[in-house]
Protein backbone atom coordinates (compact mmCIF):
# COMPACT_ATOMS: atom_id res chain seq x y z
CA UNK A 1 18.63 -115.01 -56.67
CA UNK A 2 22.16 -113.36 -55.88
CA UNK A 3 23.48 -115.82 -53.55
CA UNK A 4 23.39 -118.33 -56.23
CA UNK A 5 24.81 -116.33 -58.37
CA UNK A 6 27.34 -115.73 -56.80
CA UNK A 7 27.70 -119.16 -55.41
CA UNK A 8 28.05 -119.87 -59.73
CA UNK A 9 30.16 -117.56 -60.44
CA UNK A 10 32.85 -118.50 -57.20
CA UNK A 11 32.18 -122.53 -58.39
CA UNK A 12 33.72 -121.37 -62.29
CA UNK A 13 36.72 -119.32 -60.92
CA UNK A 14 37.26 -121.61 -58.89
CA UNK A 15 37.00 -124.31 -61.70
CA UNK A 16 39.50 -122.01 -64.10
CA UNK A 17 42.00 -121.77 -61.29
CA UNK A 18 42.78 -125.71 -60.88
CA UNK A 19 42.58 -126.30 -64.69
CA UNK A 20 45.04 -123.58 -65.40
CA UNK A 21 47.34 -124.83 -61.40
CA UNK A 22 47.13 -128.27 -63.74
CA UNK A 23 47.64 -127.67 -67.43
CA UNK A 24 49.97 -124.84 -67.19
CA UNK A 25 53.11 -127.11 -66.59
CA UNK A 26 52.14 -129.53 -69.11
CA UNK A 27 51.44 -126.25 -71.63
CA UNK A 28 55.25 -125.23 -70.44
CA UNK A 29 56.64 -128.75 -70.93
CA UNK A 30 55.33 -128.87 -74.83
CA UNK A 31 57.58 -125.48 -74.79
CA UNK A 32 60.32 -126.85 -73.65
CA UNK A 33 60.14 -130.09 -76.03
CA UNK A 34 59.17 -127.32 -79.32
CA UNK A 35 62.33 -126.01 -77.82
CA UNK A 36 64.09 -129.14 -77.94
CA UNK A 37 63.47 -129.66 -81.56
CA UNK A 38 64.09 -126.87 -82.80
CA UNK A 39 67.24 -127.22 -81.40
CA UNK A 40 67.80 -130.35 -82.91
CA UNK A 41 66.92 -129.44 -85.92
CA UNK A 42 69.30 -125.92 -86.01
CA UNK A 43 72.35 -128.54 -85.29
CA UNK A 44 71.01 -130.36 -88.20
CA UNK A 45 70.96 -127.07 -90.99
CA UNK A 46 74.44 -126.69 -88.97
CA UNK A 47 75.76 -128.92 -89.85
CA UNK A 48 74.49 -129.19 -93.54
CA UNK A 49 75.93 -126.10 -93.54
CA UNK A 50 72.71 -124.39 -94.44
CA UNK A 51 71.83 -122.30 -91.53
CA UNK A 52 71.87 -119.14 -93.93
CA UNK A 53 69.43 -120.31 -95.98
CA UNK A 54 67.85 -121.64 -93.74
CA UNK A 55 67.06 -117.82 -92.50
CA UNK A 56 66.17 -116.72 -95.11
CA UNK A 57 63.27 -119.61 -96.02
CA UNK A 58 62.02 -118.76 -91.78
CA UNK A 59 62.29 -115.00 -91.91
CA UNK A 60 60.45 -115.26 -95.18
CA UNK A 61 57.80 -117.53 -93.93
CA UNK A 62 57.21 -115.01 -90.69
CA UNK A 63 56.25 -111.85 -93.81
CA UNK A 64 53.96 -114.66 -95.35
CA UNK A 65 51.80 -115.63 -91.73
CA UNK A 66 51.86 -111.69 -91.75
CA UNK A 67 50.32 -111.36 -95.45
CA UNK A 68 48.03 -114.54 -94.91
CA UNK A 69 46.61 -112.38 -90.99
CA UNK A 70 46.25 -109.07 -92.81
CA UNK A 71 44.41 -110.53 -95.98
CA UNK A 72 41.90 -112.12 -93.28
CA UNK A 73 43.65 -116.29 -94.11
CA UNK A 74 44.65 -116.04 -90.94
CA UNK A 75 42.81 -115.63 -88.19
CA UNK A 76 43.96 -113.81 -84.65
CA UNK A 77 44.38 -116.92 -83.17
CA UNK A 78 46.33 -118.76 -85.92
CA UNK A 79 48.03 -116.19 -86.54
CA UNK A 80 49.33 -115.57 -82.70
CA UNK A 81 50.56 -119.45 -83.24
CA UNK A 82 52.58 -119.65 -86.67
CA UNK A 83 54.10 -115.86 -85.39
CA UNK A 84 55.21 -117.16 -82.22
CA UNK A 85 56.54 -120.67 -83.54
CA UNK A 86 58.36 -119.34 -86.84
CA UNK A 87 60.11 -116.61 -85.16
CA UNK A 88 61.19 -118.86 -82.10
CA UNK A 89 62.59 -121.04 -85.04
CA UNK A 90 64.17 -118.15 -86.49
CA UNK A 91 65.77 -117.01 -83.37
CA UNK A 92 66.87 -120.23 -82.79
CA UNK A 93 68.50 -120.55 -86.32
CA UNK A 94 70.54 -116.87 -85.84
CA UNK A 95 71.98 -117.58 -82.60
CA UNK A 96 72.83 -120.71 -84.00
CA UNK A 97 74.25 -119.08 -86.84
CA UNK A 98 75.82 -116.55 -84.41
CA UNK A 99 77.96 -119.12 -81.87
CA UNK A 100 79.28 -120.95 -84.90
CA UNK A 101 81.27 -117.95 -86.48
CA UNK A 102 81.95 -116.91 -82.98
């Protein structure tokens, strides 16, 4: 019986490794595409001269995401994803503003 359990466990681990090996580049590409979209959005906001307002909205969104999580309106997984995305957006906007001010 223990040989069967070991074989099943080994098969599950091998399958998980294969999924990660195939899926990781796809996830990284999605992050790259998302980062490019954020850069384009920041450039558009910069052209409109509204970087400071966009930064304030983004920072307010981060605070709201945190409050929703604390109130139990967001799961840990949803909070982590939304927080990561909004922080990335804020970072791009702040970097764009700092670059434009020299």
